[in-house]
Each structure stands twice: as structure tokens, then as C-alpha cells.
Amino acid sequence: MLSNTCKYAIRAVIYLAVNDGSGSKIGIKKISKDLKIPSPFLGKILQLLSKHKILSSTKGPNGGFGLGKNKENIFLIDIVEIIDGIDSFHNCIIGVKYCTEQEAPCALHSRYAELRENIRKMFEAATIEMLSKDIKAGKRGFVI
């Protein structure tokens, strides 16, 4: 459902939230190494998130990336919307062009509609703060 780019973006934001203790920025090379994401690709993702104020970036020798707003104000749906858009919460799962409840629903429409809606609601409710707290408390792993 999510592109690899979107998964990397979510992982990077969670990583920055978990490592947000000192308030200093984390360099792209460290983030890239720790998350095992190529630097040029990750750089484009982080710049896009910075452009949308999810992250903040500072250039220079002590530069890097940090959160652009409070963890409790960053929802998963915000990241998904920036990277992938929200079409996946509206479009047909198998790509039928005119798949709607009113017109000609595809064979999977009724089975997938409820699941898609539940996933959307979860993304709208889940904050980076919630996820990073679980990781810090040891309730959830953060396997890189």
C-alpha cells in the first residue's frame, strides 16, 4: 500500500523523533548509515519533508535534520500525503478505472473498502510521538 519512499520517510521521521533528546540536528550521513538508506535518495526525501515543515534542516558543518514541529502534531497521514498522496485511500486496489460504490465496483471493492477505511483512520490517529514513545519504552522494536 505504501511506496518504499513513503516507508523510508516514516522510518526517518521516527528515527529523528527517537533521537530528538539533545535538540541538535542529525547529519544525513548518520541517518543514512543507521537506516541503511542511500544518502542521495534519503536526502531528497528529507528535503521534501522539510519543505512541508515536517522536518527542519540546517546547512553547514553542524547542520543536519531535526523535527520541524512537535511530535504530537505529526501524524502518519501527513507523511503519507506528502510522499504518496492519499489516492490509495480512494482508488481501486486492483486498478479498475471506474470502481465506485455507485457505478461498477470491482470484485474486491466491498472486501477492501472497510480495510482501507480502517487503515486511513489509523494513519490519521497515529502520531510520531506515540510511535517514538513506544520505541523508547521498549514496547516496540525499531529494527533497522
N, C-alpha and C. Protein backbone atom coordinates (compact mmCIF):
# COMPACT_ATOMS: atom_id res chain seq x y z
N MET A 1 0.82 -1.19 0.00
CA MET A 1 0.00 0.00 0.00
C MET A 1 0.87 1.26 0.00
N LEU A 2 1.94 1.25 0.76
CA LEU A 2 2.85 2.40 0.80
C LEU A 2 4.05 2.13 -0.10
N SER A 3 4.52 3.17 -0.76
CA SER A 3 5.72 3.03 -1.57
C SER A 3 6.93 2.89 -0.65
N ASN A 4 8.03 2.40 -1.19
CA ASN A 4 9.26 2.32 -0.41
C ASN A 4 9.70 3.71 0.04
N THR A 5 9.51 4.70 -0.82
CA THR A 5 9.86 6.08 -0.47
C THR A 5 9.10 6.52 0.77
N CYS A 6 7.82 6.21 0.83
CA CYS A 6 7.00 6.59 1.97
C CYS A 6 7.42 5.83 3.23
N LYS A 7 7.74 4.56 3.08
CA LYS A 7 8.22 3.78 4.23
C LYS A 7 9.52 4.37 4.77
N TYR A 8 10.43 4.74 3.87
CA TYR A 8 11.69 5.36 4.29
C TYR A 8 11.43 6.68 5.00
N ALA A 9 10.49 7.46 4.48
CA ALA A 9 10.16 8.75 5.09
C ALA A 9 9.64 8.56 6.51
N ILE A 10 8.74 7.62 6.70
CA ILE A 10 8.19 7.35 8.03
C ILE A 10 9.30 6.88 8.97
N ARG A 11 10.14 5.97 8.50
CA ARG A 11 11.25 5.49 9.33
C ARG A 11 12.18 6.62 9.73
N ALA A 12 12.48 7.51 8.78
CA ALA A 12 13.39 8.63 9.07
C ALA A 12 12.79 9.59 10.09
N VAL A 13 11.50 9.88 9.98
CA VAL A 13 10.86 10.79 10.94
C VAL A 13 10.82 10.14 12.33
N ILE A 14 10.51 8.86 12.38
CA ILE A 14 10.52 8.17 13.68
C ILE A 14 11.93 8.17 14.25
N TYR A 15 12.91 7.89 13.43
CA TYR A 15 14.32 7.90 13.86
C TYR A 15 14.68 9.25 14.47
N LEU A 16 14.31 10.33 13.79
CA LEU A 16 14.61 11.68 14.31
C LEU A 16 13.86 11.95 15.61
N ALA A 17 12.65 11.45 15.73
CA ALA A 17 11.88 11.63 16.96
C ALA A 17 12.50 10.87 18.12
N VAL A 18 12.93 9.64 17.87
CA VAL A 18 13.54 8.82 18.92
C VAL A 18 14.87 9.44 19.38
N ASN A 19 15.59 10.06 18.46
CA ASN A 19 16.90 10.64 18.76
C ASN A 19 16.85 12.15 18.95
N ASP A 20 15.71 12.66 19.36
CA ASP A 20 15.48 14.10 19.46
C ASP A 20 15.87 14.68 20.82
N GLY A 21 16.52 13.94 21.67
CA GLY A 21 16.80 14.38 23.04
C GLY A 21 17.63 15.63 23.20
N SER A 22 18.67 15.79 22.43
CA SER A 22 19.59 16.91 22.65
C SER A 22 19.17 18.18 21.93
N GLY A 23 18.25 18.08 21.00
CA GLY A 23 17.83 19.24 20.24
C GLY A 23 18.76 19.60 19.10
N SER A 24 19.89 18.88 18.99
CA SER A 24 20.81 19.16 17.89
C SER A 24 20.35 18.39 16.65
N LYS A 25 20.81 18.85 15.51
CA LYS A 25 20.46 18.24 14.23
C LYS A 25 21.30 16.98 14.01
N ILE A 26 20.76 16.06 13.25
CA ILE A 26 21.47 14.83 12.92
C ILE A 26 21.80 14.88 11.44
N GLY A 27 23.05 14.62 11.12
CA GLY A 27 23.52 14.69 9.74
C GLY A 27 22.97 13.59 8.86
N ILE A 28 22.87 13.89 7.60
CA ILE A 28 22.33 12.95 6.62
C ILE A 28 23.14 11.66 6.56
N LYS A 29 24.46 11.76 6.71
CA LYS A 29 25.29 10.56 6.63
C LYS A 29 24.98 9.60 7.77
N LYS A 30 24.78 10.12 8.97
CA LYS A 30 24.46 9.27 10.12
C LYS A 30 23.08 8.63 9.94
N ILE A 31 22.12 9.43 9.55
CA ILE A 31 20.76 8.90 9.34
C ILE A 31 20.81 7.81 8.27
N SER A 32 21.48 8.10 7.18
CA SER A 32 21.59 7.16 6.07
C SER A 32 22.25 5.86 6.51
N LYS A 33 23.32 5.98 7.25
CA LYS A 33 24.04 4.78 7.72
C LYS A 33 23.19 3.97 8.68
N ASP A 34 22.58 4.65 9.65
CA ASP A 34 21.78 3.95 10.66
C ASP A 34 20.54 3.28 10.08
N LEU A 35 19.93 3.93 9.09
CA LEU A 35 18.70 3.38 8.50
C LEU A 35 18.96 2.53 7.26
N LYS A 36 20.24 2.52 6.82
CA LYS A 36 20.62 1.75 5.63
C LYS A 36 19.81 2.17 4.39
N ILE A 37 19.77 3.50 4.20
CA ILE A 37 19.11 4.10 3.04
C ILE A 37 20.16 4.93 2.32
N PRO A 38 20.29 4.78 0.99
CA PRO A 38 21.30 5.57 0.28
C PRO A 38 21.14 7.08 0.52
N SER A 39 22.26 7.76 0.80
CA SER A 39 22.24 9.19 1.13
C SER A 39 21.53 10.07 0.10
N PRO A 40 21.83 9.93 -1.20
CA PRO A 40 21.16 10.82 -2.16
C PRO A 40 19.64 10.66 -2.15
N PHE A 41 19.19 9.41 -2.07
CA PHE A 41 17.75 9.13 -2.04
C PHE A 41 17.13 9.68 -0.76
N LEU A 42 17.76 9.40 0.36
CA LEU A 42 17.27 9.89 1.64
C LEU A 42 17.27 11.41 1.68
N GLY A 43 18.29 12.03 1.11
CA GLY A 43 18.37 13.49 1.09
C GLY A 43 17.17 14.11 0.39
N LYS A 44 16.76 13.52 -0.73
CA LYS A 44 15.58 14.04 -1.44
C LYS A 44 14.32 13.90 -0.60
N ILE A 45 14.19 12.78 0.08
CA ILE A 45 13.03 12.55 0.94
C ILE A 45 13.00 13.57 2.08
N LEU A 46 14.14 13.74 2.75
CA LEU A 46 14.19 14.66 3.89
C LEU A 46 13.98 16.11 3.47
N GLN A 47 14.49 16.48 2.30
CA GLN A 47 14.26 17.85 1.81
C GLN A 47 12.78 18.09 1.52
N LEU A 48 12.12 17.10 0.97
CA LEU A 48 10.68 17.22 0.71
C LEU A 48 9.91 17.37 2.03
N LEU A 49 10.28 16.59 3.03
CA LEU A 49 9.62 16.71 4.33
C LEU A 49 9.94 18.06 4.99
N SER A 50 11.12 18.58 4.74
CA SER A 50 11.49 19.91 5.26
C SER A 50 10.68 20.99 4.58
N LYS A 51 10.50 20.85 3.29
CA LYS A 51 9.71 21.82 2.52
C LYS A 51 8.29 21.92 3.07
N HIS A 52 7.76 20.81 3.55
CA HIS A 52 6.40 20.77 4.10
C HIS A 52 6.37 20.95 5.62
N LYS A 53 7.49 21.35 6.20
CA LYS A 53 7.61 21.70 7.63
C LYS A 53 7.47 20.53 8.60
N ILE A 54 7.54 19.30 8.09
CA ILE A 54 7.56 18.14 8.98
C ILE A 54 8.92 18.09 9.67
N LEU A 55 9.97 18.39 8.90
CA LEU A 55 11.33 18.43 9.41
C LEU A 55 11.89 19.83 9.27
N SER A 56 12.97 20.08 9.98
CA SER A 56 13.73 21.32 9.78
C SER A 56 15.14 20.89 9.39
N SER A 57 15.78 21.72 8.59
CA SER A 57 17.14 21.39 8.18
C SER A 57 18.03 22.60 8.35
N THR A 58 19.28 22.32 8.66
CA THR A 58 20.30 23.35 8.82
C THR A 58 21.50 22.94 8.00
N LYS A 59 22.02 23.89 7.22
CA LYS A 59 23.21 23.60 6.41
C LYS A 59 24.46 23.92 7.21
N GLY A 60 25.56 23.39 6.75
CA GLY A 60 26.84 23.70 7.36
C GLY A 60 27.43 22.53 8.11
N PRO A 61 28.62 22.76 8.72
CA PRO A 61 29.34 21.68 9.39
C PRO A 61 28.57 21.05 10.55
N ASN A 62 27.78 21.84 11.25
CA ASN A 62 26.98 21.30 12.36
C ASN A 62 25.52 21.15 11.96
N GLY A 63 25.28 21.11 10.67
CA GLY A 63 23.92 21.04 10.16
C GLY A 63 23.37 19.62 10.19
N GLY A 64 22.17 19.52 9.71
CA GLY A 64 21.51 18.23 9.66
C GLY A 64 20.01 18.43 9.70
N PHE A 65 19.33 17.40 10.14
CA PHE A 65 17.87 17.41 10.16
C PHE A 65 17.36 17.17 11.58
N GLY A 66 16.22 17.76 11.85
CA GLY A 66 15.50 17.56 13.10
C GLY A 66 14.02 17.67 12.81
N LEU A 67 13.22 17.51 13.82
CA LEU A 67 11.77 17.64 13.63
C LEU A 67 11.42 19.11 13.42
N GLY A 68 10.50 19.36 12.51
CA GLY A 68 10.08 20.72 12.21
C GLY A 68 8.93 21.19 13.07
N LYS A 69 8.25 20.25 13.70
CA LYS A 69 7.18 20.59 14.63
C LYS A 69 7.12 19.54 15.72
N ASN A 70 6.30 19.77 16.69
CA ASN A 70 6.21 18.85 17.82
C ASN A 70 5.75 17.46 17.37
N LYS A 71 6.30 16.45 18.02
CA LYS A 71 5.99 15.05 17.68
C LYS A 71 4.51 14.75 17.72
N GLU A 72 3.81 15.38 18.67
CA GLU A 72 2.38 15.10 18.81
C GLU A 72 1.55 15.73 17.69
N ASN A 73 2.16 16.60 16.91
CA ASN A 73 1.47 17.24 15.79
C ASN A 73 1.85 16.68 14.43
N ILE A 74 2.62 15.60 14.43
CA ILE A 74 2.97 14.94 13.17
C ILE A 74 2.25 13.60 13.14
N PHE A 75 1.32 13.48 12.22
CA PHE A 75 0.53 12.27 12.07
C PHE A 75 1.07 11.47 10.87
N LEU A 76 0.93 10.16 10.93
CA LEU A 76 1.39 9.33 9.81
C LEU A 76 0.74 9.76 8.50
N ILE A 77 -0.52 10.14 8.56
CA ILE A 77 -1.22 10.54 7.34
C ILE A 77 -0.56 11.76 6.70
N ASP A 78 0.06 12.64 7.51
CA ASP A 78 0.74 13.82 6.97
C ASP A 78 1.90 13.39 6.07
N ILE A 79 2.65 12.41 6.53
CA ILE A 79 3.80 11.93 5.77
C ILE A 79 3.34 11.20 4.51
N VAL A 80 2.33 10.36 4.67
CA VAL A 80 1.80 9.61 3.52
C VAL A 80 1.28 10.57 2.46
N GLU A 81 0.57 11.60 2.90
CA GLU A 81 0.01 12.56 1.94
C GLU A 81 1.11 13.30 1.17
N ILE A 82 2.18 13.67 1.85
CA ILE A 82 3.29 14.38 1.21
C ILE A 82 4.01 13.48 0.21
N ILE A 83 4.28 12.26 0.59
CA ILE A 83 5.11 11.37 -0.23
C ILE A 83 4.29 10.63 -1.30
N ASP A 84 3.23 9.96 -0.90
CA ASP A 84 2.46 9.14 -1.83
C ASP A 84 1.14 9.77 -2.28
N GLY A 85 0.67 10.74 -1.52
CA GLY A 85 -0.68 11.25 -1.77
C GLY A 85 -1.68 10.33 -1.10
N ILE A 86 -2.92 10.75 -1.09
CA ILE A 86 -3.95 9.94 -0.42
C ILE A 86 -4.85 9.19 -1.39
N ASP A 87 -4.43 9.14 -2.65
CA ASP A 87 -5.22 8.42 -3.65
C ASP A 87 -5.41 6.95 -3.29
N SER A 88 -4.42 6.36 -2.62
CA SER A 88 -4.54 4.93 -2.29
C SER A 88 -5.70 4.67 -1.33
N PHE A 89 -6.20 5.72 -0.68
CA PHE A 89 -7.36 5.56 0.20
C PHE A 89 -8.67 5.76 -0.55
N HIS A 90 -8.57 6.05 -1.84
CA HIS A 90 -9.77 6.28 -2.65
C HIS A 90 -9.82 5.43 -3.90
N ASN A 91 -8.66 5.12 -4.46
CA ASN A 91 -8.59 4.38 -5.73
C ASN A 91 -8.82 2.89 -5.53
N CYS A 92 -9.19 2.25 -6.61
CA CYS A 92 -9.41 0.81 -6.64
C CYS A 92 -8.09 0.07 -6.36
N ILE A 93 -8.13 -0.95 -5.54
CA ILE A 93 -6.93 -1.69 -5.17
C ILE A 93 -6.33 -2.46 -6.36
N ILE A 94 -7.18 -2.85 -7.30
CA ILE A 94 -6.65 -3.59 -8.46
C ILE A 94 -6.60 -2.74 -9.72
N GLY A 95 -6.90 -1.44 -9.58
CA GLY A 95 -6.70 -0.51 -10.69
C GLY A 95 -7.84 -0.38 -11.68
N VAL A 96 -9.05 -0.80 -11.31
CA VAL A 96 -10.19 -0.61 -12.20
C VAL A 96 -10.53 0.88 -12.20
N LYS A 97 -10.56 1.46 -13.39
CA LYS A 97 -10.69 2.91 -13.51
C LYS A 97 -11.99 3.46 -12.91
N TYR A 98 -13.09 2.78 -13.13
CA TYR A 98 -14.38 3.31 -12.68
C TYR A 98 -14.97 2.49 -11.54
N CYS A 99 -14.14 2.10 -10.61
CA CYS A 99 -14.59 1.30 -9.47
C CYS A 99 -15.11 2.24 -8.39
N THR A 100 -16.42 2.32 -8.27
CA THR A 100 -17.05 3.11 -7.19
C THR A 100 -18.23 2.33 -6.65
N GLU A 101 -18.65 2.67 -5.48
CA GLU A 101 -19.79 2.01 -4.86
C GLU A 101 -21.05 2.21 -5.71
N GLN A 102 -21.21 3.42 -6.29
CA GLN A 102 -22.42 3.75 -7.03
C GLN A 102 -22.42 3.17 -8.44
N GLU A 103 -21.25 3.13 -9.10
CA GLU A 103 -21.22 2.72 -10.50
C GLU A 103 -20.96 1.22 -10.65
N ALA A 104 -19.73 0.86 -10.81
CA ALA A 104 -19.38 -0.54 -11.08
C ALA A 104 -18.25 -0.98 -10.18
N PRO A 105 -18.56 -1.36 -8.94
CA PRO A 105 -17.48 -1.78 -8.04
C PRO A 105 -16.80 -3.04 -8.54
N CYS A 106 -15.48 -3.09 -8.34
CA CYS A 106 -14.71 -4.27 -8.75
C CYS A 106 -15.02 -5.44 -7.81
N ALA A 107 -14.47 -6.58 -8.14
CA ALA A 107 -14.74 -7.80 -7.37
C ALA A 107 -14.22 -7.71 -5.93
N LEU A 108 -13.20 -6.87 -5.69
CA LEU A 108 -12.64 -6.74 -4.34
C LEU A 108 -13.19 -5.53 -3.57
N HIS A 109 -13.99 -4.70 -4.22
CA HIS A 109 -14.39 -3.42 -3.63
C HIS A 109 -14.99 -3.56 -2.22
N SER A 110 -16.00 -4.39 -2.08
CA SER A 110 -16.67 -4.49 -0.78
C SER A 110 -15.77 -5.11 0.28
N ARG A 111 -14.86 -5.99 -0.12
CA ARG A 111 -13.94 -6.62 0.83
C ARG A 111 -12.85 -5.66 1.27
N TYR A 112 -12.40 -4.80 0.36
CA TYR A 112 -11.28 -3.91 0.64
C TYR A 112 -11.71 -2.57 1.25
N ALA A 113 -12.93 -2.12 0.98
CA ALA A 113 -13.37 -0.79 1.40
C ALA A 113 -13.25 -0.59 2.91
N GLU A 114 -13.70 -1.53 3.70
CA GLU A 114 -13.65 -1.40 5.15
C GLU A 114 -12.20 -1.41 5.66
N LEU A 115 -11.40 -2.31 5.11
CA LEU A 115 -9.99 -2.39 5.49
C LEU A 115 -9.28 -1.08 5.16
N ARG A 116 -9.50 -0.55 3.96
CA ARG A 116 -8.89 0.71 3.52
C ARG A 116 -9.29 1.84 4.46
N GLU A 117 -10.55 1.88 4.85
CA GLU A 117 -11.03 2.93 5.75
C GLU A 117 -10.39 2.80 7.14
N ASN A 118 -10.24 1.59 7.63
CA ASN A 118 -9.60 1.38 8.93
C ASN A 118 -8.13 1.78 8.91
N ILE A 119 -7.45 1.49 7.82
CA ILE A 119 -6.04 1.89 7.69
C ILE A 119 -5.94 3.41 7.65
N ARG A 120 -6.82 4.06 6.91
CA ARG A 120 -6.81 5.52 6.84
C ARG A 120 -7.04 6.12 8.22
N LYS A 121 -7.99 5.59 8.96
CA LYS A 121 -8.27 6.10 10.31
C LYS A 121 -7.07 5.90 11.24
N MET A 122 -6.40 4.76 11.12
CA MET A 122 -5.21 4.50 11.93
C MET A 122 -4.11 5.50 11.59
N PHE A 123 -3.89 5.77 10.31
CA PHE A 123 -2.88 6.74 9.90
C PHE A 123 -3.23 8.15 10.38
N GLU A 124 -4.51 8.46 10.42
CA GLU A 124 -4.94 9.78 10.90
C GLU A 124 -4.79 9.93 12.41
N ALA A 125 -4.85 8.82 13.13
CA ALA A 125 -4.77 8.87 14.60
C ALA A 125 -3.36 8.69 15.14
N ALA A 126 -2.52 7.97 14.42
CA ALA A 126 -1.17 7.65 14.92
C ALA A 126 -0.23 8.84 14.75
N THR A 127 0.36 9.26 15.87
CA THR A 127 1.33 10.35 15.82
C THR A 127 2.74 9.81 15.96
N ILE A 128 3.67 10.59 15.52
CA ILE A 128 5.09 10.24 15.67
C ILE A 128 5.43 10.16 17.15
N GLU A 129 4.81 10.99 17.96
CA GLU A 129 5.05 10.94 19.41
C GLU A 129 4.65 9.57 19.98
N MET A 130 3.48 9.08 19.61
CA MET A 130 3.02 7.77 20.10
C MET A 130 4.00 6.67 19.72
N LEU A 131 4.42 6.68 18.47
CA LEU A 131 5.32 5.63 17.98
C LEU A 131 6.69 5.72 18.64
N SER A 132 7.22 6.93 18.77
CA SER A 132 8.54 7.07 19.38
C SER A 132 8.51 6.75 20.87
N LYS A 133 7.41 7.06 21.56
CA LYS A 133 7.29 6.70 22.98
C LYS A 133 7.29 5.19 23.17
N ASP A 134 6.57 4.49 22.30
CA ASP A 134 6.55 3.03 22.38
C ASP A 134 7.94 2.45 22.17
N ILE A 135 8.67 3.00 21.23
CA ILE A 135 10.03 2.52 20.95
C ILE A 135 10.94 2.80 22.14
N LYS A 136 10.88 4.01 22.67
CA LYS A 136 11.73 4.37 23.81
C LYS A 136 11.40 3.55 25.05
N ALA A 137 10.14 3.19 25.21
CA ALA A 137 9.72 2.41 26.38
C ALA A 137 9.99 0.92 26.19
N GLY A 138 10.48 0.54 25.03
CA GLY A 138 10.79 -0.85 24.77
C GLY A 138 9.58 -1.68 24.39
N LYS A 139 8.41 -1.03 24.18
CA LYS A 139 7.20 -1.75 23.81
C LYS A 139 7.24 -2.20 22.36
N ARG A 140 7.97 -1.48 21.56
CA ARG A 140 8.08 -1.78 20.14
C ARG A 140 9.54 -1.72 19.73
N GLY A 141 9.90 -2.58 18.84
CA GLY A 141 11.26 -2.54 18.32
C GLY A 141 11.36 -1.53 17.19
N PHE A 142 12.55 -1.15 16.92
CA PHE A 142 12.81 -0.27 15.79
C PHE A 142 13.93 -0.89 15.00
N VAL A 143 13.56 -2.00 14.35
CA VAL A 143 14.55 -2.75 13.60
C VAL A 143 14.89 -1.99 12.34
N ILE A 144 16.15 -1.78 12.17
CA ILE A 144 16.61 -1.02 11.01
C ILE A 144 17.07 -2.01 10.00
